[in-house]
Amino acid sequence: MTRKIGFLIFPDFQLLDVAGPLGAFEIAGRYMPGAYSLKVMAAEPGMVASSAAAGMGAEALDEDLDTLVISGGIGASQASKAPATKAYIQRVGAKARRTASVCSGAYLLAEAGLLDGKRATTHWARSAELQKRYPKVRVEADRIFVRDGAIWTSAGITAGIDLSLALIAQDLGEDVARKTAQTLVVYHRRPGGQSQFSALIEMGGLGGRFAGLLDWMREHLDQPLTVDQLADRAAMSPRHFARAFAAETGMTPAKAVERLRLETARERVEASSDPIDRVAETVGFGDPERMRRAFLRAFGQPPQALRRAARA
């Protein structure tokens, strides 16, 4: 069976939002010839200029699609207001097997009403605006990609490749998705629940004063990681360490430990089949109930719900 994948672009679209997914599906088709028929489309067919000035040729809109993939870009907001485009997305979204967006392409889905009451994501820099403009959408600001039923949304730019690999795995199996990732020379494959930005980066863990300590903390989450222990590791008094750490990272040592544990635990909950109590033990929460309460505070859902959503 050949699946027709349509890529919707518009003036000032983000070139990589289309080129990345388009390349992924094209390469997957090499491993399973005839699996996909690919089509780049626009409301006004012809050469469409991206925000990088380079253009891409587009055909007329096609409603007979297996999957619609909507690009993002600085032109997304204006494109979402075009009545014809909005009506087209509504019609295709009602009958296509899947509808997806990359980055700010989520604005077009939201404007068409396809995200009402659904979980969705977009580029982290646009998530607050998306939530404010479309309050019915349940925005998950830092996810790589989110699937809610037949609707898929992804974070910025290269996350469109992660989303495409997940779609390819759904269609053709993990083996083809893995080979596609290897050909693209990308990681196979980041789970959708992985954060767009690492807690280590947020806390200055790449080159800050406590970079080495933060790396060590993440590698030893099963240990108590008390202030005294961390201060000793940093060769500082506990009081001086606590003040200096908060000034450098913007959070207390205890909060930093919890952030690292939550990030690691969520990745393992969503991407592995390890028992929840085992995950809680290996990342240092110890008690599964303690981890559950931390998940509810941070993500609004318990670990089991996030695992079910990731596997749905």
Protein backbone atom coordinates (compact mmCIF):
# COMPACT_ATOMS: atom_id res chain seq x y z
CA MET A 1 0.00 0.00 0.00
CA THR A 2 1.32 3.42 -0.98
CA ARG A 3 0.65 6.14 1.58
CA LYS A 4 0.35 9.67 0.22
CA ILE A 5 2.06 12.21 2.49
CA GLY A 6 1.24 15.86 1.83
CA PHE A 7 3.47 18.68 3.12
CA LEU A 8 1.71 22.03 3.45
CA ILE A 9 3.87 25.14 3.05
CA PHE A 10 3.17 28.87 2.84
CA PRO A 11 5.17 32.09 2.32
CA ASP A 12 7.97 32.43 4.88
CA PHE A 13 7.80 28.77 5.94
CA GLN A 14 10.81 27.29 7.73
CA LEU A 15 12.80 25.33 5.17
CA LEU A 16 14.04 22.65 7.58
CA ASP A 17 10.51 22.03 8.86
CA VAL A 18 9.76 20.59 5.44
CA ALA A 19 13.15 19.37 4.21
CA GLY A 20 13.81 17.26 7.32
CA PRO A 21 10.54 15.28 7.32
CA LEU A 22 10.49 15.14 3.52
CA GLY A 23 13.99 13.64 3.51
CA ALA A 24 13.08 11.14 6.22
CA PHE A 25 10.07 9.80 4.32
CA GLU A 26 12.02 9.74 1.05
CA ILE A 27 14.83 7.71 2.61
CA ALA A 28 12.37 5.33 4.30
CA GLY A 29 10.90 4.72 0.85
CA ARG A 30 14.27 3.47 -0.34
CA TYR A 31 14.11 0.64 2.17
CA MET A 32 10.52 -0.18 1.28
CA PRO A 33 9.90 0.91 -2.32
CA GLY A 34 6.38 2.11 -3.00
CA ALA A 35 5.65 2.81 0.66
CA TYR A 36 5.21 6.54 0.18
CA SER A 37 4.09 9.09 -2.37
CA LEU A 38 5.31 12.56 -1.34
CA LYS A 39 3.78 15.86 -2.30
CA VAL A 40 4.65 19.45 -1.34
CA MET A 41 1.55 21.66 -1.52
CA ALA A 42 0.52 25.29 -1.09
CA ALA A 43 -2.68 27.30 -1.29
CA GLU A 44 -1.09 29.09 -4.25
CA PRO A 45 0.94 26.48 -6.17
CA GLY A 46 4.26 27.36 -7.71
CA MET A 47 7.53 28.52 -6.17
CA VAL A 48 7.03 29.42 -2.50
CA ALA A 49 9.72 31.44 -0.74
CA SER A 50 10.91 30.22 2.65
CA SER A 51 12.07 32.55 5.43
CA ALA A 52 15.62 31.71 4.30
CA ALA A 53 14.81 33.13 0.82
CA ALA A 54 15.35 29.75 -0.85
CA GLY A 55 12.14 28.61 -2.50
CA MET A 56 10.42 25.27 -2.84
CA GLY A 57 8.11 24.24 -5.64
CA ALA A 58 4.59 23.40 -4.50
CA GLU A 59 1.63 21.69 -6.16
CA ALA A 60 -2.04 22.47 -5.63
CA LEU A 61 -3.70 21.36 -2.40
CA ASP A 62 -4.67 17.68 -2.37
CA GLU A 63 -7.37 16.36 -0.05
CA ASP A 64 -6.82 12.68 -0.79
CA LEU A 65 -4.04 12.16 1.76
CA ASP A 66 -3.02 9.49 4.22
CA THR A 67 -1.06 12.03 6.27
CA LEU A 68 -0.95 15.82 6.24
CA VAL A 69 2.23 17.45 7.61
CA ILE A 70 2.04 21.21 8.21
CA SER A 71 5.23 23.24 8.20
CA GLY A 72 6.04 25.96 10.69
CA GLY A 73 7.90 29.20 10.21
CA ILE A 74 7.56 32.92 10.75
CA GLY A 75 4.71 32.94 8.23
CA ALA A 76 2.66 30.42 10.22
CA SER A 77 0.58 32.96 12.11
CA GLN A 78 -0.50 34.75 8.94
CA ALA A 79 -1.12 31.49 7.10
CA SER A 80 -3.33 30.27 9.95
CA LYS A 81 -5.69 33.20 9.39
CA ALA A 82 -6.29 32.46 5.70
CA PRO A 83 -9.91 31.19 5.46
CA ALA A 84 -9.20 28.82 2.57
CA THR A 85 -6.23 27.26 4.34
CA LYS A 86 -8.17 26.88 7.57
CA ALA A 87 -11.07 25.21 5.76
CA TYR A 88 -8.69 22.90 3.92
CA ILE A 89 -7.04 21.73 7.16
CA GLN A 90 -10.45 21.13 8.71
CA ARG A 91 -11.58 19.00 5.77
CA VAL A 92 -8.39 16.96 5.53
CA GLY A 93 -8.11 16.63 9.30
CA ALA A 94 -11.57 15.07 9.39
CA LYS A 95 -10.72 12.27 6.97
CA ALA A 96 -6.93 11.75 6.81
CA ARG A 97 -5.49 8.94 8.90
CA ARG A 98 -3.06 11.36 10.53
CA THR A 99 -2.52 15.10 10.70
CA ALA A 100 0.77 16.50 11.95
CA SER A 101 2.55 19.79 12.44
CA VAL A 102 6.17 20.80 12.84
CA CYS A 103 7.12 23.68 15.13
CA SER A 104 4.74 26.65 14.76
CA GLY A 105 2.66 24.68 12.26
CA ALA A 106 0.70 23.92 15.43
CA TYR A 107 -0.86 27.39 15.04
CA LEU A 108 -2.58 26.27 11.84
CA LEU A 109 -3.92 23.15 13.53
CA ALA A 110 -5.10 25.18 16.53
CA GLU A 111 -6.78 27.82 14.38
CA ALA A 112 -8.63 25.07 12.53
CA GLY A 113 -9.87 23.70 15.86
CA LEU A 114 -8.07 20.38 15.53
CA LEU A 115 -6.18 20.85 18.79
CA ASP A 116 -9.17 21.74 20.97
CA GLY A 117 -9.01 19.62 24.12
CA LYS A 118 -5.87 17.85 22.88
CA ARG A 119 -2.28 17.65 24.07
CA ALA A 120 0.17 19.40 21.74
CA THR A 121 3.60 20.96 21.58
CA THR A 122 5.52 23.48 19.51
CA HIS A 123 8.87 25.24 19.63
CA TRP A 124 9.61 26.09 23.27
CA ALA A 125 9.87 29.80 22.41
CA ARG A 126 6.32 29.81 20.99
CA SER A 127 4.57 27.61 23.54
CA ALA A 128 3.41 30.36 25.92
CA GLU A 129 1.94 32.33 23.04
CA LEU A 130 0.23 29.24 21.64
CA GLN A 131 -1.35 28.51 25.03
CA LYS A 132 -2.49 32.10 25.49
CA ARG A 133 -3.97 32.39 22.02
CA TYR A 134 -5.65 28.97 22.08
CA PRO A 135 -6.62 28.19 25.71
CA LYS A 136 -8.47 25.00 24.72
CA VAL A 137 -5.15 23.41 23.71
CA ARG A 138 -3.26 21.48 26.39
CA VAL A 139 0.23 22.71 25.52
CA GLU A 140 3.14 20.57 26.73
CA ALA A 141 5.86 23.15 26.36
CA ASP A 142 9.03 21.08 26.40
CA ARG A 143 8.12 17.87 24.58
CA ILE A 144 9.96 16.75 21.44
CA PHE A 145 6.70 15.58 19.90
CA VAL A 146 3.23 14.70 21.15
CA ARG A 147 0.64 12.32 19.78
CA ASP A 148 -2.98 12.69 20.79
CA GLY A 149 -5.11 10.30 18.76
CA ALA A 150 -4.69 11.03 15.05
CA ILE A 151 -3.04 14.41 15.72
CA TRP A 152 0.73 14.70 16.03
CA THR A 153 2.65 17.88 16.86
CA SER A 154 6.37 18.42 17.21
CA ALA A 155 8.79 20.94 18.61
CA GLY A 156 11.03 23.18 16.56
CA ILE A 157 12.81 22.42 13.32
CA THR A 158 14.88 19.22 13.76
CA ALA A 159 12.18 17.75 16.03
CA GLY A 160 10.22 17.29 12.80
CA ILE A 161 12.67 14.51 11.96
CA ASP A 162 11.97 12.81 15.30
CA LEU A 163 8.25 13.03 14.60
CA SER A 164 8.74 11.65 11.08
CA LEU A 165 10.77 8.70 12.36
CA ALA A 166 7.94 7.90 14.79
CA LEU A 167 5.43 8.03 11.92
CA ILE A 168 7.68 5.83 9.78
CA ALA A 169 8.01 3.32 12.63
CA GLN A 170 4.23 3.23 12.94
CA ASP A 171 3.88 2.58 9.20
CA LEU A 172 6.84 0.40 8.31
CA GLY A 173 8.24 -0.87 11.60
CA GLU A 174 11.17 -0.02 13.84
CA ASP A 175 13.74 -1.65 11.57
CA VAL A 176 13.00 0.74 8.68
CA ALA A 177 12.87 3.70 11.08
CA ARG A 178 16.25 2.73 12.51
CA LYS A 179 17.82 2.38 9.07
CA THR A 180 16.35 5.73 8.06
CA ALA A 181 17.83 7.36 11.15
CA GLN A 182 21.21 5.81 10.42
CA THR A 183 21.12 7.16 6.87
CA LEU A 184 20.19 10.60 8.17
CA VAL A 185 22.96 10.29 10.78
CA VAL A 186 20.58 11.19 13.60
CA TYR A 187 19.89 9.55 16.94
CA HIS A 188 17.41 6.71 16.70
CA ARG A 189 15.27 7.78 18.13
CA ARG A 190 14.48 10.39 20.73
CA PRO A 191 11.24 9.51 22.53
CA GLY A 192 8.49 12.09 22.19
CA GLY A 193 8.51 12.67 25.92
CA GLN A 194 12.13 13.78 25.95
CA SER A 195 12.56 17.41 26.93
CA GLN A 196 13.38 20.00 24.27
CA PHE A 197 15.99 21.37 26.63
CA SER A 198 18.02 19.48 29.16
CA ALA A 199 17.88 20.46 32.80
CA LEU A 200 21.68 20.43 32.69
CA ILE A 201 21.68 23.13 30.03
CA GLU A 202 19.15 25.21 31.95
CA MET A 203 21.35 25.04 35.02
CA GLY A 204 24.53 25.94 33.16
CA GLY A 205 25.82 22.40 33.17
CA LEU A 206 27.84 22.75 29.98
CA GLY A 207 30.38 25.29 31.09
CA GLY A 208 29.36 26.89 34.35
CA ARG A 209 31.11 26.82 37.69
CA PHE A 210 29.33 23.65 38.75
CA ALA A 211 29.39 21.90 35.37
CA GLY A 212 31.45 18.98 36.62
CA LEU A 213 29.32 18.61 39.73
CA LEU A 214 26.08 18.63 37.75
CA ASP A 215 27.41 15.93 35.43
CA TRP A 216 28.42 13.87 38.43
CA MET A 217 24.99 14.37 40.03
CA ARG A 218 23.23 13.05 36.94
CA GLU A 219 25.46 9.98 36.92
CA HIS A 220 24.80 9.27 40.61
CA LEU A 221 21.08 9.95 41.01
CA ASP A 222 20.65 6.75 43.02
CA GLN A 223 22.69 8.29 45.83
CA PRO A 224 21.17 10.61 48.50
CA LEU A 225 22.79 13.75 47.01
CA THR A 226 22.37 15.79 50.17
CA VAL A 227 23.67 19.35 50.46
CA ASP A 228 26.45 18.11 52.70
CA GLN A 229 27.46 15.45 50.18
CA LEU A 230 27.40 17.89 47.26
CA ALA A 231 29.24 20.57 49.23
CA ASP A 232 31.94 18.06 50.11
CA ARG A 233 32.20 17.09 46.45
CA ALA A 234 32.59 20.79 45.56
CA ALA A 235 35.13 21.30 48.37
CA MET A 236 33.00 24.00 49.99
CA SER A 237 31.18 24.44 53.25
CA PRO A 238 27.48 23.49 53.04
CA ARG A 239 26.28 27.06 53.68
CA HIS A 240 28.65 28.64 51.16
CA PHE A 241 27.91 25.91 48.62
CA ALA A 242 24.13 26.34 48.89
CA ARG A 243 24.40 30.11 48.33
CA ALA A 244 26.87 29.82 45.47
CA PHE A 245 24.95 27.02 43.76
CA ALA A 246 21.66 28.95 43.86
CA ALA A 247 23.37 32.08 42.51
CA GLU A 248 24.95 30.11 39.66
CA THR A 249 22.02 27.88 38.62
CA GLY A 250 18.96 29.81 39.77
CA MET A 251 17.70 27.01 42.02
CA THR A 252 18.53 25.32 45.30
CA PRO A 253 20.60 22.12 45.33
CA ALA A 254 17.52 20.13 46.38
CA LYS A 255 15.47 21.54 43.50
CA ALA A 256 18.28 20.80 41.04
CA VAL A 257 18.47 17.20 42.22
CA GLU A 258 14.70 16.81 41.78
CA ARG A 259 14.83 18.32 38.27
CA LEU A 260 17.55 15.91 37.20
CA ARG A 261 15.68 12.97 38.70
CA LEU A 262 12.42 13.99 37.06
CA GLU A 263 14.04 14.41 33.63
CA THR A 264 15.76 11.02 33.80
CA ALA A 265 12.72 9.28 35.27
CA ARG A 266 10.35 10.59 32.60
CA GLU A 267 12.66 9.44 29.82
CA ARG A 268 12.81 5.94 31.34
CA VAL A 269 9.09 5.79 32.07
CA GLU A 270 8.18 6.68 28.48
CA ALA A 271 10.94 4.86 26.60
CA SER A 272 11.46 1.66 28.61
CA SER A 273 9.40 -1.16 30.06
CA ASP A 274 11.10 -1.05 33.46
CA PRO A 275 8.65 -1.31 36.37
CA ILE A 276 7.75 2.07 37.85
CA ASP A 277 9.12 1.15 41.27
CA ARG A 278 12.41 0.13 39.64
CA VAL A 279 12.64 3.49 37.86
CA ALA A 280 11.94 5.29 41.14
CA GLU A 281 14.74 3.33 42.80
CA THR A 282 17.37 3.83 40.09
CA VAL A 283 16.87 7.59 39.79
CA GLY A 284 16.92 8.18 43.53
CA PHE A 285 13.27 8.75 44.37
CA GLY A 286 13.27 5.45 46.24
CA ASP A 287 9.58 5.37 47.08
CA PRO A 288 7.31 5.14 43.97
CA GLU A 289 4.74 7.30 45.77
CA ARG A 290 7.33 10.03 46.23
CA MET A 291 8.07 9.92 42.51
CA ARG A 292 4.37 9.97 41.68
CA ARG A 293 3.86 13.15 43.73
CA ALA A 294 6.85 14.78 42.00
CA PHE A 295 5.43 13.84 38.58
CA LEU A 296 2.06 15.35 39.48
CA ARG A 297 3.71 18.61 40.52
CA ALA A 298 5.93 18.81 37.46
CA PHE A 299 3.84 17.24 34.68
CA GLY A 300 0.30 17.16 36.04
CA GLN A 301 0.10 13.38 35.50
CA PRO A 302 1.40 10.28 37.30
CA PRO A 303 4.12 8.10 35.72
CA GLN A 304 1.64 5.41 34.62
CA ALA A 305 -0.44 7.93 32.67
CA LEU A 306 2.63 9.27 30.86
CA ARG A 307 3.70 5.74 29.97
CA ARG A 308 0.24 4.90 28.59
CA ALA A 309 0.23 8.12 26.54
CA ALA A 310 3.69 7.39 25.15
CA ARG A 311 2.62 3.90 24.07
CA ALA A 312 -0.78 4.87 22.69
